[in-house]
């Protein structure tokens, strides 16, 4: 059962057609979530309807929403039916994003992909696969992996990192990270373990 307060949901008629889209209802509507994957036979129609949404300044939750365009299409008699997704991971959540990264690394490794750049400098360090390590990464006295993605230009020193996702040009020192997510151009020096810090952040 989904937490419908976190998702838009749909209602169906007896013909299995979508007849209602409800954005993050407070009361139970259905357990069929809208997860943001759509297929349109003619995307030009959607584009026109979204232009009308913008022109008429139809805003919900402080933003323009694709559902308003879809609702207008439904009101004009266009039919929508649901598709079944067996598994979906909400990457708006740090823990799930890190887990998704780990699973993708496993898939890529099983396909024989080389995920470690040849430009990586590895001094007194160990890489435990699966890992993605980008261009011009420097590892000094570090253990990285399993399930770690390091973006281009990262520097990691005197640290252990596993099950974590780190963007580009970030500096990690004196760290023991597990289930962590760090943005680009960030600087982290400390004993915290499960963290989430954004771009250009400094945590020392």
C-alpha atoms as a PDB file:
ATOM      1  CA  UNK A   1       0.000   0.000   0.000  1.00  0.00           C
ATOM      2  CA  UNK A   2       1.420   3.356  -1.013  1.00  0.00           C
ATOM      3  CA  UNK A   3       1.399   6.460   1.140  1.00  0.00           C
ATOM      4  CA  UNK A   4      -0.979   8.386  -1.120  1.00  0.00           C
ATOM      5  CA  UNK A   5      -0.191  11.676   0.611  1.00  0.00           C
ATOM      6  CA  UNK A   6       3.173  11.537  -1.183  1.00  0.00           C
ATOM      7  CA  UNK A   7       1.785  10.810  -4.668  1.00  0.00           C
ATOM      8  CA  UNK A   8      -0.857  11.756  -7.142  1.00  0.00           C
ATOM      9  CA  UNK A   9      -3.314   8.878  -7.616  1.00  0.00           C
ATOM     10  CA  UNK A  10      -5.885   7.813 -10.203  1.00  0.00           C
ATOM     11  CA  UNK A  11      -9.383   6.429 -10.301  1.00  0.00           C
ATOM     12  CA  UNK A  12     -10.554   4.018 -12.995  1.00  0.00           C
ATOM     13  CA  UNK A  13     -13.923   3.244 -14.541  1.00  0.00           C
ATOM     14  CA  UNK A  14     -15.201  -0.245 -15.354  1.00  0.00           C
ATOM     15  CA  UNK A  15     -13.428  -0.107 -18.734  1.00  0.00           C
ATOM     16  CA  UNK A  16     -10.063   0.349 -16.966  1.00  0.00           C
ATOM     17  CA  UNK A  17      -9.824   3.929 -18.203  1.00  0.00           C
ATOM     18  CA  UNK A  18      -8.499   6.734 -16.049  1.00  0.00           C
ATOM     19  CA  UNK A  19     -11.326   9.069 -15.118  1.00  0.00           C
ATOM     20  CA  UNK A  20      -9.753  11.068 -12.312  1.00  0.00           C
ATOM     21  CA  UNK A  21      -6.332  12.371 -11.305  1.00  0.00           C
ATOM     22  CA  UNK A  22      -6.014  13.481  -7.685  1.00  0.00           C
ATOM     23  CA  UNK A  23      -2.798  15.144  -6.494  1.00  0.00           C
ATOM     24  CA  UNK A  24      -1.643  13.968  -3.037  1.00  0.00           C
ATOM     25  CA  UNK A  25      -5.084  13.489  -1.487  1.00  0.00           C
ATOM     26  CA  UNK A  26      -5.515  13.794   2.276  1.00  0.00           C
ATOM     27  CA  UNK A  27      -8.284  11.186   2.299  1.00  0.00           C
ATOM     28  CA  UNK A  28      -8.016   7.781   0.630  1.00  0.00           C
ATOM     29  CA  UNK A  29      -8.847   7.811  -3.081  1.00  0.00           C
ATOM     30  CA  UNK A  30      -7.023   4.782  -4.482  1.00  0.00           C
ATOM     31  CA  UNK A  31      -3.715   2.938  -4.217  1.00  0.00           C
ATOM     32  CA  UNK A  32      -2.825   3.503  -7.898  1.00  0.00           C
ATOM     33  CA  UNK A  33       0.017   6.030  -7.888  1.00  0.00           C
ATOM     34  CA  UNK A  34       1.050   8.413 -10.661  1.00  0.00           C
ATOM     35  CA  UNK A  35       4.818   7.951 -10.812  1.00  0.00           C
ATOM     36  CA  UNK A  36       5.650  10.329 -13.648  1.00  0.00           C
ATOM     37  CA  UNK A  37       6.048   7.869 -16.531  1.00  0.00           C
ATOM     38  CA  UNK A  38       3.752   8.629 -19.482  1.00  0.00           C
ATOM     39  CA  UNK A  39       3.245   7.562 -23.084  1.00  0.00           C
ATOM     40  CA  UNK A  40       1.388   9.831 -25.503  1.00  0.00           C
ATOM     41  CA  UNK A  41       0.519   8.789 -29.055  1.00  0.00           C
ATOM     42  CA  UNK A  42       0.617  12.435 -30.158  1.00  0.00           C
ATOM     43  CA  UNK A  43       2.782  14.587 -27.916  1.00  0.00           C
ATOM     44  CA  UNK A  44       1.821  17.708 -29.912  1.00  0.00           C
ATOM     45  CA  UNK A  45      -1.644  17.523 -28.345  1.00  0.00           C
ATOM     46  CA  UNK A  46      -0.147  17.494 -24.866  1.00  0.00           C
ATOM     47  CA  UNK A  47       2.140  20.386 -25.792  1.00  0.00           C
ATOM     48  CA  UNK A  48      -0.849  22.463 -26.863  1.00  0.00           C
ATOM     49  CA  UNK A  49      -2.743  21.700 -23.667  1.00  0.00           C
ATOM     50  CA  UNK A  50       0.261  22.558 -21.496  1.00  0.00           C
ATOM     51  CA  UNK A  51       0.609  25.847 -23.344  1.00  0.00           C
ATOM     52  CA  UNK A  52      -2.988  26.605 -22.356  1.00  0.00           C
ATOM     53  CA  UNK A  53      -2.117  25.755 -18.746  1.00  0.00           C
ATOM     54  CA  UNK A  54       0.724  28.284 -18.887  1.00  0.00           C
ATOM     55  CA  UNK A  55      -1.282  30.920 -20.746  1.00  0.00           C
ATOM     56  CA  UNK A  56      -4.083  30.668 -18.173  1.00  0.00           C
ATOM     57  CA  UNK A  57      -1.634  30.568 -15.257  1.00  0.00           C
ATOM     58  CA  UNK A  58      -3.069  27.340 -13.861  1.00  0.00           C
ATOM     59  CA  UNK A  59      -0.803  26.631 -10.895  1.00  0.00           C
ATOM     60  CA  UNK A  60      -1.070  24.008  -8.162  1.00  0.00           C
ATOM     61  CA  UNK A  61       1.410  23.668  -5.339  1.00  0.00           C
ATOM     62  CA  UNK A  62       3.301  26.680  -6.654  1.00  0.00           C
ATOM     63  CA  UNK A  63       4.062  25.105 -10.038  1.00  0.00           C
ATOM     64  CA  UNK A  64       2.640  24.199 -13.424  1.00  0.00           C
ATOM     65  CA  UNK A  65       1.706  20.511 -13.507  1.00  0.00           C
ATOM     66  CA  UNK A  66       1.457  18.044 -16.356  1.00  0.00           C
ATOM     67  CA  UNK A  67      -1.687  16.600 -14.779  1.00  0.00           C
ATOM     68  CA  UNK A  68      -3.585  19.782 -15.600  1.00  0.00           C
ATOM     69  CA  UNK A  69      -2.780  19.284 -19.274  1.00  0.00           C
ATOM     70  CA  UNK A  70      -3.839  15.651 -19.065  1.00  0.00           C
ATOM     71  CA  UNK A  71      -7.096  16.603 -17.355  1.00  0.00           C
ATOM     72  CA  UNK A  72      -7.893  18.996 -20.201  1.00  0.00           C
ATOM     73  CA  UNK A  73      -7.219  16.207 -22.706  1.00  0.00           C
ATOM     74  CA  UNK A  74      -9.536  13.890 -20.761  1.00  0.00           C
ATOM     75  CA  UNK A  75     -12.237  16.575 -20.710  1.00  0.00           C
ATOM     76  CA  UNK A  76     -12.021  16.646 -24.520  1.00  0.00           C
ATOM     77  CA  UNK A  77     -12.732  12.918 -24.698  1.00  0.00           C
ATOM     78  CA  UNK A  78      -9.215  11.514 -24.989  1.00  0.00           C
ATOM     79  CA  UNK A  79      -8.739   8.138 -23.352  1.00  0.00           C
ATOM     80  CA  UNK A  80      -6.011   7.243 -20.869  1.00  0.00           C
ATOM     81  CA  UNK A  81      -5.302   3.809 -19.426  1.00  0.00           C
ATOM     82  CA  UNK A  82      -2.856   2.799 -16.682  1.00  0.00           C
ATOM     83  CA  UNK A  83       0.317   0.802 -17.140  1.00  0.00           C
ATOM     84  CA  UNK A  84       1.660  -1.599 -14.544  1.00  0.00           C
ATOM     85  CA  UNK A  85       5.122  -1.061 -13.073  1.00  0.00           C
ATOM     86  CA  UNK A  86       6.400  -3.987 -11.036  1.00  0.00           C
ATOM     87  CA  UNK A  87       9.007  -1.977  -9.190  1.00  0.00           C
ATOM     88  CA  UNK A  88       9.619   1.736  -8.858  1.00  0.00           C
ATOM     89  CA  UNK A  89      12.140   3.566  -6.705  1.00  0.00           C
ATOM     90  CA  UNK A  90      11.473   7.160  -5.633  1.00  0.00           C
ATOM     91  CA  UNK A  91      14.750   8.989  -6.228  1.00  0.00           C
ATOM     92  CA  UNK A  92      13.438  12.052  -4.436  1.00  0.00           C
ATOM     93  CA  UNK A  93      14.426  10.187  -1.291  1.00  0.00           C
ATOM     94  CA  UNK A  94      18.111   9.993  -0.284  1.00  0.00           C
ATOM     95  CA  UNK A  95      18.042   6.411   0.966  1.00  0.00           C
ATOM     96  CA  UNK A  96      16.250   5.154  -2.136  1.00  0.00           C
ATOM     97  CA  UNK A  97      18.536   7.157  -4.430  1.00  0.00           C
ATOM     98  CA  UNK A  98      21.591   5.534  -2.860  1.00  0.00           C
ATOM     99  CA  UNK A  99      19.957   2.101  -3.117  1.00  0.00           C
ATOM    100  CA  UNK A 100      19.051   2.722  -6.768  1.00  0.00           C
ATOM    101  CA  UNK A 101      22.643   3.727  -7.516  1.00  0.00           C
ATOM    102  CA  UNK A 102      23.882   0.510  -5.894  1.00  0.00           C
ATOM    103  CA  UNK A 103      21.548  -1.627  -7.947  1.00  0.00           C
ATOM    104  CA  UNK A 104      22.450   0.091 -11.202  1.00  0.00           C
ATOM    105  CA  UNK A 105      26.135  -0.428 -10.486  1.00  0.00           C
ATOM    106  CA  UNK A 106      25.447  -4.120  -9.979  1.00  0.00           C
ATOM    107  CA  UNK A 107      23.572  -4.346 -13.277  1.00  0.00           C
ATOM    108  CA  UNK A 108      26.336  -2.551 -15.175  1.00  0.00           C
ATOM    109  CA  UNK A 109      29.038  -4.703 -13.637  1.00  0.00           C
ATOM    110  CA  UNK A 110      27.155  -7.874 -14.549  1.00  0.00           C
ATOM    111  CA  UNK A 111      27.058  -6.591 -18.150  1.00  0.00           C
ATOM    112  CA  UNK A 112      30.835  -6.324 -18.139  1.00  0.00           C
ATOM    113  CA  UNK A 113      30.984  -2.524 -18.134  1.00  0.00           C
ATOM    114  CA  UNK A 114      34.267  -0.882 -17.087  1.00  0.00           C
ATOM    115  CA  UNK A 115      33.139   1.705 -14.552  1.00  0.00           C
ATOM    116  CA  UNK A 116      36.500   2.990 -13.311  1.00  0.00           C
ATOM    117  CA  UNK A 117      38.226   5.663 -15.397  1.00  0.00           C
ATOM    118  CA  UNK A 118      41.816   5.016 -16.473  1.00  0.00           C
ATOM    119  CA  UNK A 119      42.714   8.506 -15.200  1.00  0.00           C
ATOM    120  CA  UNK A 120      42.043   7.614 -11.540  1.00  0.00           C
ATOM    121  CA  UNK A 121      45.043   8.178  -9.232  1.00  0.00           C
ATOM    122  CA  UNK A 122      45.035   5.443  -6.596  1.00  0.00           C
ATOM    123  CA  UNK A 123      47.673   5.806  -3.861  1.00  0.00           C
ATOM    124  CA  UNK A 124      47.606   3.233  -1.033  1.00  0.00           C
ATOM    125  CA  UNK A 125      43.934   2.781  -1.765  1.00  0.00           C
ATOM    126  CA  UNK A 126      41.501  -0.036  -2.479  1.00  0.00           C
ATOM    127  CA  UNK A 127      38.506  -0.081  -4.813  1.00  0.00           C
ATOM    128  CA  UNK A 128      35.873  -2.706  -3.998  1.00  0.00           C
ATOM    129  CA  UNK A 129      33.560  -3.327  -6.939  1.00  0.00           C
ATOM    130  CA  UNK A 130      30.995  -2.462  -8.093  1.00  0.00           C
ATOM    131  CA  UNK A 131      31.947   1.211  -8.267  1.00  0.00           C
ATOM    132  CA  UNK A 132      31.735   4.028 -10.768  1.00  0.00           C
ATOM    133  CA  UNK A 133      34.729   6.348 -10.558  1.00  0.00           C
ATOM    134  CA  UNK A 134      34.899   9.248 -12.981  1.00  0.00           C
ATOM    135  CA  UNK A 135      37.714  11.146 -14.658  1.00  0.00           C
ATOM    136  CA  UNK A 136      40.587  12.720 -12.695  1.00  0.00           C
ATOM    137  CA  UNK A 137      39.604  11.268  -9.317  1.00  0.00           C
ATOM    138  CA  UNK A 138      42.360  11.083  -6.691  1.00  0.00           C
ATOM    139  CA  UNK A 139      42.255   8.417  -3.972  1.00  0.00           C
ATOM    140  CA  UNK A 140      44.821   8.591  -1.155  1.00  0.00           C
ATOM    141  CA  UNK A 141      44.744   6.140   1.751  1.00  0.00           C
ATOM    142  CA  UNK A 142      41.157   5.357   0.918  1.00  0.00           C
ATOM    143  CA  UNK A 143      38.847   2.372   0.636  1.00  0.00           C
ATOM    144  CA  UNK A 144      36.043   2.956  -1.830  1.00  0.00           C
ATOM    145  CA  UNK A 145      33.203   0.499  -2.365  1.00  0.00           C
ATOM    146  CA  UNK A 146      31.217  -1.486  -2.780  1.00  0.00           C
ATOM    147  CA  UNK A 147      28.340   0.392  -4.397  1.00  0.00           C
ATOM    148  CA  UNK A 148      29.933   3.824  -4.667  1.00  0.00           C
ATOM    149  CA  UNK A 149      29.706   6.406  -7.448  1.00  0.00           C
ATOM    150  CA  UNK A 150      32.353   9.146  -7.463  1.00  0.00           C
ATOM    151  CA  UNK A 151      31.958  11.919 -10.024  1.00  0.00           C
ATOM    152  CA  UNK A 152      34.710  13.579 -12.031  1.00  0.00           C
ATOM    153  CA  UNK A 153      37.425  15.430 -10.160  1.00  0.00           C
ATOM    154  CA  UNK A 154      36.690  14.115  -6.674  1.00  0.00           C
ATOM    155  CA  UNK A 155      39.464  13.873  -4.092  1.00  0.00           C
ATOM    156  CA  UNK A 156      39.164  11.259  -1.338  1.00  0.00           C
ATOM    157  CA  UNK A 157      41.785  11.018   1.401  1.00  0.00           C
ATOM    158  CA  UNK A 158      42.060   8.986   4.614  1.00  0.00           C
ATOM    159  CA  UNK A 159      38.501   7.778   4.175  1.00  0.00           C
ATOM    160  CA  UNK A 160      36.276   4.756   3.783  1.00  0.00           C
ATOM    161  CA  UNK A 161      33.234   5.104   1.555  1.00  0.00           C
ATOM    162  CA  UNK A 162      30.604   2.475   0.764  1.00  0.00           C
ATOM    163  CA  UNK A 163      27.018   2.493  -0.502  1.00  0.00           C
ATOM    164  CA  UNK A 164      27.241   6.170  -1.372  1.00  0.00           C
ATOM    165  CA  UNK A 165      26.754   8.633  -4.215  1.00  0.00           C
ATOM    166  CA  UNK A 166      29.090  11.617  -4.597  1.00  0.00           C
ATOM    167  CA  UNK A 167      28.838  14.136  -7.430  1.00  0.00           C
ATOM    168  CA  UNK A 168      31.605  16.024  -9.249  1.00  0.00           C
ATOM    169  CA  UNK A 169      34.631  17.855  -7.818  1.00  0.00           C
ATOM    170  CA  UNK A 170      33.918  17.150  -4.172  1.00  0.00           C
ATOM    171  CA  UNK A 171      36.600  16.674  -1.510  1.00  0.00           C
ATOM    172  CA  UNK A 172      36.213  14.002   1.155  1.00  0.00           C
ATOM    173  CA  UNK A 173      38.683  13.676   4.025  1.00  0.00           C
ATOM    174  CA  UNK A 174      38.816  11.756   7.321  1.00  0.00           C
ATOM    175  CA  UNK A 175      35.435  10.224   6.595  1.00  0.00           C
ATOM    176  CA  UNK A 176      33.676   6.919   7.186  1.00  0.00           C
ATOM    177  CA  UNK A 177      30.673   7.149   4.904  1.00  0.00           C
ATOM    178  CA  UNK A 178      27.877   4.632   4.425  1.00  0.00           C
ATOM    179  CA  UNK A 179      24.530   5.422   2.781  1.00  0.00           C
ATOM    180  CA  UNK A 180      25.658   8.960   2.038  1.00  0.00           C
ATOM    181  CA  UNK A 181      24.832  11.379  -0.763  1.00  0.00           C
ATOM    182  CA  UNK A 182      27.004  14.428  -1.448  1.00  0.00           C
ATOM    183  CA  UNK A 183      26.530  17.032  -4.168  1.00  0.00           C
ATOM    184  CA  UNK A 184      29.065  18.683  -6.478  1.00  0.00           C
ATOM    185  CA  UNK A 185      31.864  20.983  -5.309  1.00  0.00           C
ATOM    186  CA  UNK A 186      31.210  19.999  -1.689  1.00  0.00           C
ATOM    187  CA  UNK A 187      33.798  19.641   1.057  1.00  0.00           C
ATOM    188  CA  UNK A 188      33.340  17.059   3.802  1.00  0.00           C
ATOM    189  CA  UNK A 189      35.745  16.446   6.671  1.00  0.00           C
ATOM    190  CA  UNK A 190      34.363  14.616   9.647  1.00  0.00           C
ATOM    191  CA  UNK A 191      33.014  11.579  11.448  1.00  0.00           C
ATOM    192  CA  UNK A 192      29.402  11.638  10.274  1.00  0.00           C
ATOM    193  CA  UNK A 193      28.274   8.482   8.473  1.00  0.00           C
ATOM    194  CA  UNK A 194      24.855   8.688   6.802  1.00  0.00           C
ATOM    195  CA  UNK A 195      24.671  12.186   5.375  1.00  0.00           C
ATOM    196  CA  UNK A 196      23.034  14.149   2.576  1.00  0.00           C
ATOM    197  CA  UNK A 197      24.625  17.471   1.651  1.00  0.00           C
ATOM    198  CA  UNK A 198      24.037  19.555  -1.439  1.00  0.00           C
ATOM    199  CA  UNK A 199      26.203  21.313  -4.003  1.00  0.00           C
ATOM    200  CA  UNK A 200      28.901  23.708  -2.733  1.00  0.00           C
ATOM    201  CA  UNK A 201      28.263  22.672   0.885  1.00  0.00           C
ATOM    202  CA  UNK A 202      31.038  22.531   3.480  1.00  0.00           C
ATOM    203  CA  UNK A 203      30.795  20.223   6.503  1.00  0.00           C
ATOM    204  CA  UNK A 204      33.902  20.047   8.674  1.00  0.00           C
END
